[in-house]
Amino acid sequence: MDQVDPRRLIPRTNDLLALPAVREARTRLSEAVVRDLVRDAQDQARRGELAPADVEAAVLAAVAGRTATSLRPVLNATGIIVHTNLGRAPLSAAAVEALVAASGYVDVELNLADGRRSRRGAGARAALLAACPAAEDALVVNNGAAALVLATTALAAGREVILSRGELVEIGAGFRLPDLIESTGASLHEVGTTNRTHLRDYADALGPDTGCVLKIHPSNFWVDGFTSAVGLDELSSLTSAQGVPLVADLGSGLLAPDPHLPREPDVATALAHGADVVIASGDKLLGGPQAGLLLGRKEIIERLSRHPLARAVRADKLALAALEATVAGEAPPVVQSLHADPGELRRRTDRLAGALGVPVVPHDGRVGGGGAPGFPLPGWALRLPEGIAGHLRTGEPAVLPRVHDGACLLDLRCVPAADDGRILEAVRQALAALASAGAGRAG
C-alpha cells in the first residue's frame, strides 16, 4: 500500500488566504506580508518542523500577532530618562496629538490667508524663540549631528575650525565629532592639551584661515583634577574682536538653567555669554522629537538657512509639529521624570513591592543620552531575581529593567503612574515563566 507524502496534506495557499481571520488581516497588512506569513508556515511543514494539521493554527497565530510595524512599545524601568536604545525622549500628549494632525495635509509651507508659500517650520521657530528670548533666530534640522555639519560647512568649509583638544568627543556608536567636522571640507586646528586649554591658545591659533571657533560640551563624560578650560564669555571677547563666529555645541537640549542639573549647560546662558550660534538636540533634555536646533544671531542663522546643505538636512513636517507642541505644551515626560516627586516614587515602589512580596532598594537613576554624566538621580527600585530580566523584556508588555549586581532592578522614575498595574502584571507573568522554566529543567 502506497504511503501518502505528508507534504500533500499541507493546506493550500488559497484555502489559508480564505480563512476569515486571514481575510481580516489583509485589510490592515499588505498582501505581500500576509502571503509571507502563510508561506512561512507552509515551509515549516515542508521541512518537517510543523505537522500539516497544525499549519492553519500557525497561520492564524501569525496574523493575529502581526502589526504593520516591527517596533514594540517598551516600559522603561531602567531609571535612565533619555534612553538612546529606546528612542531617547518619549513624546508628550500634546506632541503626539500634533504629530497625528501633521500626518495628513498641513500648512507646513503655506500661508492659508493668501494661498502663497510661507517659511517652513514657522510655528516651531516661533515657539523656540518664545521659550528662549536670548536667541534672535532659530533653525531646525533633522538631528544634532546635522546641525553641527551645517554650521561647520557654512562657516568653515575649506577653512579652519578651532577646537580644544579636550573637546575632541566621540559620541554613540563610535562616531567622532572631529571626523564629522572634517567630512565637511573644514580642517581642524586643535589647541591646548587634553586637560588644559587657555585663552592664549585660541588667540595664537586665530588667523585669516579661521572659519569659526567651536566649543563642544563633553556631554558624555566629566573630567576633574588638574584641568583648565576657557569659558564662552572670555572666548567671545576674543572672537568678536576678530569677527570670527563662535559656535557652541551643547548637545543636551536644555533651553534654560535647571536647578536639578547644576552642571549642565543651557542655550540661554551660552547665548548670554557670547555664543553666536548654539547647537542642541530636540530629543534629549528638551523632551521632543529627534531634531537639531540652531539658535543665535539672526545674521548667522540666516546664513546657515541659505546654505544648500540646509535643504538636505531640513526637518520634516512631523518633527516640526511635535517640536512646536513640545515647547509650547505641557511639561514633556522627560521633564516630569527629571523632576519626579521622591515621596511619590517611593510610595509607588512600596505598593508594587507589597503586592509582589519583594524588597525595595535605593537606586540612582540617570539622565542618559549624553546629558549630565555621572550625576545621580536618587530613587528606589524593586529588587527581583536576575533571571527574570529576559522574561520581562520579551513579555507583554515589554519591560526593560536594569540588571546589576546579580539582580533585576525595576525603577519607576520613567514609568507613568497609570502603567503601574501593567508593570505588576508583567512581573507576575515573568515570575511564573521563570518558575516554569526552572521546573522544566529540574524535571
Protein backbone atom coordinates (compact mmCIF):
# COMPACT_ATOMS: atom_id res chain seq x y z
CA MET A 1 0.00 0.00 0.00
CA ASP A 2 1.47 3.36 -1.08
CA GLN A 3 2.17 5.90 1.66
CA VAL A 4 0.84 9.44 1.23
CA ASP A 5 3.56 12.10 1.16
CA PRO A 6 2.81 14.28 4.26
CA ARG A 7 3.60 17.39 2.22
CA ARG A 8 0.50 16.71 0.13
CA LEU A 9 -1.55 17.29 3.30
CA ILE A 10 -0.30 20.84 3.78
CA PRO A 11 -3.23 23.27 3.33
CA ARG A 12 -3.22 25.11 0.01
CA THR A 13 -2.37 28.80 -0.13
CA ASN A 14 -5.78 29.89 -1.42
CA ASP A 15 -7.54 27.95 1.33
CA LEU A 16 -5.41 29.60 4.01
CA LEU A 17 -5.91 33.06 2.49
CA ALA A 18 -9.67 32.48 2.57
CA LEU A 19 -9.79 31.96 6.33
CA PRO A 20 -11.87 34.74 7.98
CA ALA A 21 -9.05 35.84 10.29
CA VAL A 22 -6.60 35.95 7.38
CA ARG A 23 -9.06 37.97 5.26
CA GLU A 24 -9.33 40.43 8.14
CA ALA A 25 -5.53 40.65 8.38
CA ARG A 26 -5.39 41.54 4.67
CA THR A 27 -7.31 44.74 5.44
CA ARG A 28 -4.56 46.01 7.78
CA LEU A 29 -1.44 44.35 6.37
CA SER A 30 -0.04 44.33 2.85
CA GLU A 31 -0.79 41.37 0.62
CA ALA A 32 2.92 40.55 0.48
CA VAL A 33 3.22 40.39 4.27
CA VAL A 34 0.19 38.11 4.66
CA ARG A 35 1.38 35.78 1.92
CA ASP A 36 4.84 35.62 3.53
CA LEU A 37 3.25 34.55 6.83
CA VAL A 38 1.27 31.84 5.06
CA ARG A 39 4.31 30.67 3.09
CA ASP A 40 6.45 30.58 6.23
CA ALA A 41 4.01 28.20 7.97
CA GLN A 42 3.83 26.00 4.88
CA ASP A 43 7.64 25.92 4.60
CA GLN A 44 7.91 24.83 8.22
CA ALA A 45 5.60 21.93 7.44
CA ARG A 46 7.60 21.03 4.32
CA ARG A 47 10.77 20.88 6.44
CA GLY A 48 9.05 18.64 8.96
CA GLU A 49 9.15 21.27 11.71
CA LEU A 50 5.36 21.52 11.81
CA ALA A 51 2.66 18.92 11.31
CA PRO A 52 0.42 19.64 8.27
CA ALA A 53 -2.60 19.63 10.58
CA ASP A 54 -1.05 22.46 12.58
CA VAL A 55 -0.37 24.79 9.64
CA GLU A 56 -3.74 26.54 9.84
CA ALA A 57 -3.34 27.26 13.55
CA ALA A 58 0.19 28.56 12.94
CA VAL A 59 -1.05 30.95 10.25
CA LEU A 60 -3.87 32.22 12.46
CA ALA A 61 -1.42 32.83 15.32
CA ALA A 62 1.00 34.61 12.98
CA VAL A 63 -1.55 37.03 11.52
CA ALA A 64 -3.10 37.71 14.93
CA GLY A 65 0.22 38.80 16.39
CA ARG A 66 1.48 40.78 13.40
CA THR A 67 1.22 44.57 13.13
CA ALA A 68 2.34 46.89 10.36
CA THR A 69 5.43 47.93 12.34
CA SER A 70 8.07 45.78 13.97
CA LEU A 71 8.70 48.36 16.71
CA ARG A 72 7.30 47.38 20.11
CA PRO A 73 6.32 49.79 22.89
CA VAL A 74 8.52 49.29 25.95
CA LEU A 75 8.02 50.31 29.57
CA ASN A 76 11.32 51.89 30.61
CA ALA A 77 12.11 50.66 34.14
CA THR A 78 15.86 51.35 33.97
CA GLY A 79 15.78 54.76 35.66
CA ILE A 80 17.56 56.24 32.61
CA ILE A 81 15.41 59.10 31.35
CA VAL A 82 16.87 59.74 27.89
CA HIS A 83 17.49 56.15 26.83
CA THR A 84 19.11 56.12 23.38
CA ASN A 85 18.29 52.46 22.72
CA LEU A 86 14.62 53.18 23.45
CA GLY A 87 14.43 56.16 21.09
CA ARG A 88 15.51 58.82 23.61
CA ALA A 89 12.69 61.16 24.67
CA PRO A 90 9.10 59.86 24.83
CA LEU A 91 6.74 62.48 23.43
CA SER A 92 4.19 64.45 25.42
CA ALA A 93 0.48 64.03 24.78
CA ALA A 94 0.46 67.41 23.04
CA ALA A 95 3.34 66.37 20.77
CA VAL A 96 1.64 63.07 19.90
CA GLU A 97 -1.58 64.91 19.05
CA ALA A 98 0.36 67.38 16.88
CA LEU A 99 2.22 64.57 15.15
CA VAL A 100 -1.01 62.76 14.29
CA ALA A 101 -2.54 66.01 12.99
CA ALA A 102 0.54 66.64 10.85
CA SER A 103 0.36 63.16 9.33
CA GLY A 104 -2.12 64.45 6.77
CA TYR A 105 -2.02 67.58 4.66
CA VAL A 106 -0.91 70.60 6.74
CA ASP A 107 0.16 74.16 6.06
CA VAL A 108 3.85 73.46 6.70
CA GLU A 109 4.93 75.82 3.89
CA LEU A 110 1.70 77.60 3.05
CA ASN A 111 0.02 80.82 4.14
CA LEU A 112 -3.65 79.89 4.08
CA ALA A 113 -4.72 83.56 4.19
CA ASP A 114 -3.24 84.43 0.79
CA GLY A 115 -2.50 80.98 -0.62
CA ARG A 116 1.19 81.68 -1.06
CA ARG A 117 4.24 79.74 0.03
CA SER A 118 5.47 80.60 3.51
CA ARG A 119 8.57 79.96 5.60
CA ARG A 120 8.89 76.29 6.53
CA GLY A 121 8.55 75.49 10.22
CA ALA A 122 7.49 78.99 11.22
CA GLY A 123 5.49 77.68 14.19
CA ALA A 124 8.37 75.66 15.62
CA ARG A 125 10.72 78.60 15.15
CA ALA A 126 8.32 80.98 16.93
CA ALA A 127 7.88 78.53 19.82
CA LEU A 128 11.65 78.18 20.26
CA LEU A 129 12.19 81.94 20.23
CA ALA A 130 9.40 82.46 22.76
CA ALA A 131 10.98 79.83 25.04
CA CYS A 132 14.49 81.21 24.55
CA PRO A 133 14.28 85.01 24.18
CA ALA A 134 18.09 85.30 24.16
CA ALA A 135 18.08 83.90 20.62
CA GLU A 136 17.49 86.28 17.72
CA ASP A 137 16.61 83.48 15.32
CA ALA A 138 16.31 79.70 15.15
CA LEU A 139 16.68 76.94 12.61
CA VAL A 140 15.56 73.32 12.93
CA VAL A 141 17.28 70.44 11.12
CA ASN A 142 16.90 66.69 11.37
CA ASN A 143 19.34 65.97 14.24
CA GLY A 144 22.19 67.38 16.32
CA ALA A 145 24.93 65.96 14.12
CA ALA A 146 23.31 67.55 11.07
CA ALA A 147 23.24 70.89 12.88
CA LEU A 148 26.97 70.66 13.54
CA VAL A 149 27.69 69.63 9.95
CA LEU A 150 25.61 72.52 8.60
CA ALA A 151 27.28 75.08 10.88
CA THR A 152 30.84 73.98 10.11
CA THR A 153 30.13 73.62 6.39
CA ALA A 154 28.52 77.03 6.03
CA LEU A 155 31.06 78.82 8.20
CA ALA A 156 34.30 76.96 7.62
CA ALA A 157 34.32 74.71 4.52
CA GLY A 158 37.83 74.99 3.05
CA ARG A 159 38.96 76.83 6.17
CA GLU A 160 39.81 76.01 9.77
CA VAL A 161 37.68 75.14 12.77
CA ILE A 162 39.50 75.92 16.02
CA LEU A 163 38.72 73.40 18.75
CA SER A 164 40.26 72.48 22.09
CA ARG A 165 41.89 69.04 22.28
CA GLY A 166 39.91 68.43 25.45
CA GLU A 167 36.70 68.60 23.38
CA LEU A 168 37.53 66.02 20.69
CA VAL A 169 34.48 63.98 21.64
CA GLU A 170 33.34 60.55 20.49
CA ILE A 171 29.58 60.10 20.70
CA GLY A 172 27.47 56.95 20.42
CA ALA A 173 28.17 54.04 18.06
CA GLY A 174 31.78 55.13 17.57
CA PHE A 175 31.05 58.41 15.78
CA ARG A 176 33.71 61.03 16.45
CA LEU A 177 32.82 64.68 16.10
CA PRO A 178 36.26 65.61 14.70
CA ASP A 179 35.70 63.13 11.85
CA LEU A 180 32.24 64.58 11.29
CA ILE A 181 33.65 68.11 11.09
CA GLU A 182 36.46 67.19 8.72
CA SER A 183 33.96 65.44 6.43
CA THR A 184 32.53 68.89 5.65
CA GLY A 185 35.75 70.04 3.99
CA ALA A 186 36.86 72.06 7.01
CA SER A 187 40.19 71.34 8.70
CA LEU A 188 40.59 71.05 12.44
CA HIS A 189 43.03 73.32 14.23
CA GLU A 190 43.44 71.73 17.64
CA VAL A 191 44.58 73.92 20.50
CA GLY A 192 45.63 73.32 24.10
CA THR A 193 46.02 69.87 25.63
CA THR A 194 43.64 67.13 26.71
CA ASN A 195 43.25 68.55 30.21
CA ARG A 196 44.18 72.24 29.93
CA THR A 197 43.39 74.87 27.31
CA HIS A 198 43.96 78.61 27.81
CA LEU A 199 42.73 81.77 26.10
CA ARG A 200 46.18 82.39 24.63
CA ASP A 201 45.93 79.03 22.81
CA TYR A 202 42.90 80.28 20.91
CA ALA A 203 44.46 83.71 20.33
CA ASP A 204 47.59 82.17 18.83
CA ALA A 205 45.51 79.99 16.53
CA LEU A 206 43.24 82.72 15.12
CA GLY A 207 44.19 83.84 11.64
CA PRO A 208 42.95 84.57 8.11
CA ASP A 209 42.06 80.89 7.55
CA THR A 210 39.81 80.66 10.62
CA GLY A 211 36.21 79.91 9.70
CA CYS A 212 34.84 79.58 13.22
CA VAL A 213 35.77 78.73 16.78
CA LEU A 214 33.90 75.73 18.16
CA LYS A 215 33.18 74.85 21.79
CA ILE A 216 31.86 71.32 22.30
CA HIS A 217 30.37 70.35 25.63
CA PRO A 218 31.81 66.93 26.56
CA SER A 219 28.34 65.75 27.48
CA ASN A 220 29.05 62.06 27.96
CA PHE A 221 31.96 62.37 30.43
CA TRP A 222 33.27 64.63 33.16
CA VAL A 223 36.93 65.45 33.82
CA ASP A 224 38.11 66.54 37.27
CA GLY A 225 41.55 67.37 38.63
CA PHE A 226 44.29 69.43 37.02
CA THR A 227 42.13 70.94 34.29
CA SER A 228 41.51 74.30 32.67
CA ALA A 229 39.04 75.43 30.01
CA VAL A 230 38.09 78.76 28.51
CA GLY A 231 34.54 79.95 29.12
CA LEU A 232 32.32 81.33 26.39
CA ASP A 233 32.39 84.81 27.90
CA GLU A 234 36.20 85.03 27.64
CA LEU A 235 36.26 83.41 24.25
CA SER A 236 33.55 85.65 22.79
CA SER A 237 35.57 88.76 23.60
CA LEU A 238 38.39 87.33 21.52
CA THR A 239 36.31 86.05 18.61
CA SER A 240 34.08 89.11 18.30
CA ALA A 241 37.13 91.38 18.10
CA GLN A 242 38.38 89.25 15.21
CA GLY A 243 34.97 88.95 13.52
CA VAL A 244 35.04 85.14 13.85
CA PRO A 245 31.80 83.25 14.63
CA LEU A 246 31.74 81.40 17.96
CA VAL A 247 29.72 78.15 17.83
CA ALA A 248 28.76 76.26 21.00
CA ASP A 249 27.58 72.65 20.66
CA LEU A 250 25.79 71.81 23.93
CA GLY A 251 24.15 68.61 22.78
CA SER A 252 21.63 68.05 25.54
CA GLY A 253 18.87 70.48 24.57
CA LEU A 254 18.39 72.34 27.85
CA LEU A 255 16.98 75.74 26.87
CA ALA A 256 17.30 77.38 30.28
CA PRO A 257 19.09 76.59 33.58
CA ASP A 258 17.61 73.73 35.61
CA PRO A 259 18.39 73.61 39.35
CA HIS A 260 18.18 69.80 39.22
CA LEU A 261 21.19 69.77 36.88
CA PRO A 262 23.57 72.44 38.18
CA ARG A 263 26.48 71.41 35.92
CA GLU A 264 24.51 71.06 32.70
CA PRO A 265 24.93 73.98 30.23
CA ASP A 266 21.89 75.57 28.64
CA VAL A 267 21.18 77.53 25.48
CA ALA A 268 20.09 80.80 27.12
CA THR A 269 23.23 81.06 29.25
CA ALA A 270 25.51 80.17 26.33
CA LEU A 271 23.95 82.93 24.24
CA ALA A 272 24.15 85.40 27.11
CA HIS A 273 27.87 84.58 27.43
CA GLY A 274 28.53 85.48 23.83
CA ALA A 275 28.00 82.40 21.64
CA ASP A 276 26.90 83.40 18.14
CA VAL A 277 25.25 80.05 17.46
CA VAL A 278 24.25 77.34 19.92
CA ILE A 279 23.56 73.77 18.79
CA ALA A 280 21.34 71.40 20.77
CA SER A 281 19.26 68.26 20.29
CA GLY A 282 15.47 68.19 20.37
CA ASP A 283 15.11 64.64 21.69
CA LYS A 284 17.18 64.86 24.85
CA LEU A 285 16.50 67.20 27.80
CA LEU A 286 14.11 69.28 25.71
CA GLY A 287 11.95 66.15 25.59
CA GLY A 288 10.82 66.34 21.98
CA PRO A 289 11.34 64.55 18.67
CA GLN A 290 14.68 63.94 17.01
CA ALA A 291 15.84 67.33 15.76
CA GLY A 292 18.88 69.55 15.65
CA LEU A 293 18.37 73.07 16.97
CA LEU A 294 20.48 76.08 15.95
CA LEU A 295 19.74 79.25 17.90
CA GLY A 296 21.63 82.52 17.90
CA ARG A 297 22.40 85.68 15.96
CA LYS A 298 19.97 86.42 13.17
CA GLU A 299 22.67 87.16 10.62
CA ILE A 300 24.41 83.83 11.12
CA ILE A 301 21.24 81.73 11.36
CA GLU A 302 20.08 83.23 8.06
CA ARG A 303 23.47 82.44 6.55
CA LEU A 304 23.07 78.82 7.61
CA SER A 305 19.48 78.59 6.36
CA ARG A 306 20.51 79.84 2.90
CA HIS A 307 23.28 77.26 2.51
CA PRO A 308 22.40 74.46 0.03
CA LEU A 309 23.07 71.83 2.69
CA ALA A 310 20.19 73.22 4.76
CA ARG A 311 17.77 71.66 2.27
CA ALA A 312 19.37 68.24 2.66
CA VAL A 313 19.16 68.25 6.45
CA ARG A 314 15.85 70.01 6.98
CA ALA A 315 13.34 68.62 9.47
CA ASP A 316 10.16 67.02 8.17
CA LYS A 317 6.65 68.18 8.99
CA LEU A 318 6.18 65.54 11.71
CA ALA A 319 9.28 66.62 13.63
CA LEU A 320 8.37 70.30 13.27
CA ALA A 321 4.85 69.72 14.56
CA ALA A 322 5.98 67.61 17.51
CA LEU A 323 8.79 70.04 18.37
CA GLU A 324 6.45 73.04 18.44
CA ALA A 325 3.98 71.19 20.67
CA THR A 326 6.79 70.03 22.97
CA VAL A 327 7.99 73.58 23.53
CA ALA A 328 4.55 75.22 23.70
CA GLY A 329 2.66 72.47 25.51
CA GLU A 330 2.71 70.86 28.94
CA ALA A 331 5.91 69.54 30.51
CA PRO A 332 7.01 66.51 28.45
CA PRO A 333 7.73 63.12 30.07
CA VAL A 334 11.50 63.79 30.21
CA VAL A 335 10.97 66.88 32.34
CA GLN A 336 8.38 65.10 34.50
CA SER A 337 10.75 62.19 35.12
CA LEU A 338 13.63 64.51 35.92
CA HIS A 339 11.51 66.41 38.44
CA ALA A 340 9.61 63.39 39.77
CA ASP A 341 8.48 63.74 43.39
CA PRO A 342 10.72 61.47 45.51
CA GLY A 343 7.95 60.74 48.01
CA GLU A 344 5.51 59.66 45.33
CA LEU A 345 8.16 57.49 43.66
CA ARG A 346 8.76 55.74 46.98
CA ARG A 347 5.05 55.21 47.61
CA ARG A 348 4.51 53.70 44.15
CA THR A 349 7.52 51.41 44.56
CA ASP A 350 6.38 50.30 48.03
CA ARG A 351 2.88 49.48 46.73
CA LEU A 352 4.25 47.22 43.99
CA ALA A 353 6.78 45.65 46.35
CA GLY A 354 3.99 44.83 48.82
CA ALA A 355 1.86 43.27 46.11
CA LEU A 356 4.77 41.16 44.88
CA GLY A 357 6.46 40.39 48.19
CA VAL A 358 9.86 41.66 47.02
CA PRO A 359 12.29 44.15 48.62
CA VAL A 360 12.85 47.80 47.76
CA VAL A 361 16.44 49.04 47.41
CA PRO A 362 17.95 52.51 46.89
CA HIS A 363 18.69 53.16 43.22
CA ASP A 364 20.17 56.13 41.38
CA GLY A 365 18.63 56.99 38.05
CA ARG A 366 20.46 58.87 35.30
CA VAL A 367 19.65 61.50 32.70
CA GLY A 368 21.20 59.44 29.89
CA GLY A 369 21.63 60.39 26.25
CA GLY A 370 24.91 62.12 27.00
CA GLY A 371 23.31 64.53 29.48
CA ALA A 372 24.62 65.27 32.98
CA PRO A 373 27.24 62.49 33.00
CA GLY A 374 27.79 60.91 36.40
CA PHE A 375 25.02 62.97 38.01
CA PRO A 376 22.77 60.71 40.14
CA LEU A 377 19.01 60.98 40.44
CA PRO A 378 18.31 59.32 43.81
CA GLY A 379 15.38 56.94 43.89
CA TRP A 380 14.32 53.35 44.59
CA ALA A 381 13.88 50.10 42.73
CA LEU A 382 12.20 46.74 43.11
CA ARG A 383 14.82 44.02 43.55
CA LEU A 384 13.91 40.86 41.63
CA PRO A 385 15.77 37.68 40.64
CA GLU A 386 18.28 38.32 37.86
CA GLY A 387 16.82 35.50 35.76
CA ILE A 388 13.53 37.35 35.33
CA ALA A 389 15.05 40.04 33.10
CA GLY A 390 14.73 38.16 29.82
CA HIS A 391 11.10 37.24 30.53
CA LEU A 392 10.32 40.90 31.24
CA ARG A 393 11.96 42.09 28.02
CA THR A 394 10.07 39.61 25.87
CA GLY A 395 6.75 39.68 27.70
CA GLU A 396 3.59 41.65 27.03
CA PRO A 397 4.02 44.46 27.76
CA ALA A 398 7.77 44.53 27.18
CA VAL A 399 9.54 45.88 30.26
CA LEU A 400 13.20 46.92 30.22
CA PRO A 401 14.81 46.56 33.68
CA ARG A 402 18.35 47.21 34.84
CA VAL A 403 20.45 44.10 35.51
CA HIS A 404 23.05 44.98 38.13
CA ASP A 405 24.96 43.27 40.91
CA GLY A 406 23.25 39.92 40.43
CA ALA A 407 19.72 41.32 40.48
CA CYS A 408 16.99 42.60 38.19
CA LEU A 409 16.05 46.14 39.24
CA LEU A 410 12.85 47.98 38.32
CA ASP A 411 12.97 51.76 38.74
CA LEU A 412 9.61 53.52 38.24
CA ARG A 413 11.02 57.01 37.54
CA CYS A 414 10.27 56.79 33.80
CA VAL A 415 7.14 54.63 34.09
CA PRO A 416 3.86 56.61 34.05
CA ALA A 417 1.88 56.00 37.24
CA ALA A 418 -1.03 54.83 35.07
CA ASP A 419 1.17 51.89 33.97
CA ASP A 420 1.93 50.57 37.47
CA GLY A 421 -0.75 47.92 37.05
CA ARG A 422 0.81 46.79 33.78
CA ILE A 423 4.21 46.55 35.46
CA LEU A 424 2.69 44.47 38.26
CA GLU A 425 1.07 42.04 35.81
CA ALA A 426 4.23 41.84 33.69
CA VAL A 427 6.32 40.93 36.75
CA ARG A 428 3.82 38.29 37.85
CA GLN A 429 3.86 36.70 34.40
CA ALA A 430 7.67 36.82 34.26
CA LEU A 431 8.00 35.25 37.72
CA ALA A 432 5.63 32.47 36.65
CA ALA A 433 7.63 31.92 33.45
CA LEU A 434 10.86 31.83 35.43
CA ALA A 435 9.39 29.28 37.86
CA SER A 436 8.05 27.19 34.99
CA ALA A 437 11.43 27.19 33.25
CA GLY A 438 13.11 26.14 36.50
CA ALA A 439 10.64 23.32 37.00
CA GLY A 440 11.25 22.14 33.45
CA ARG A 441 14.99 21.99 33.97
CA ALA A 442 14.52 20.14 37.27
CA GLY A 443 12.32 17.59 35.57
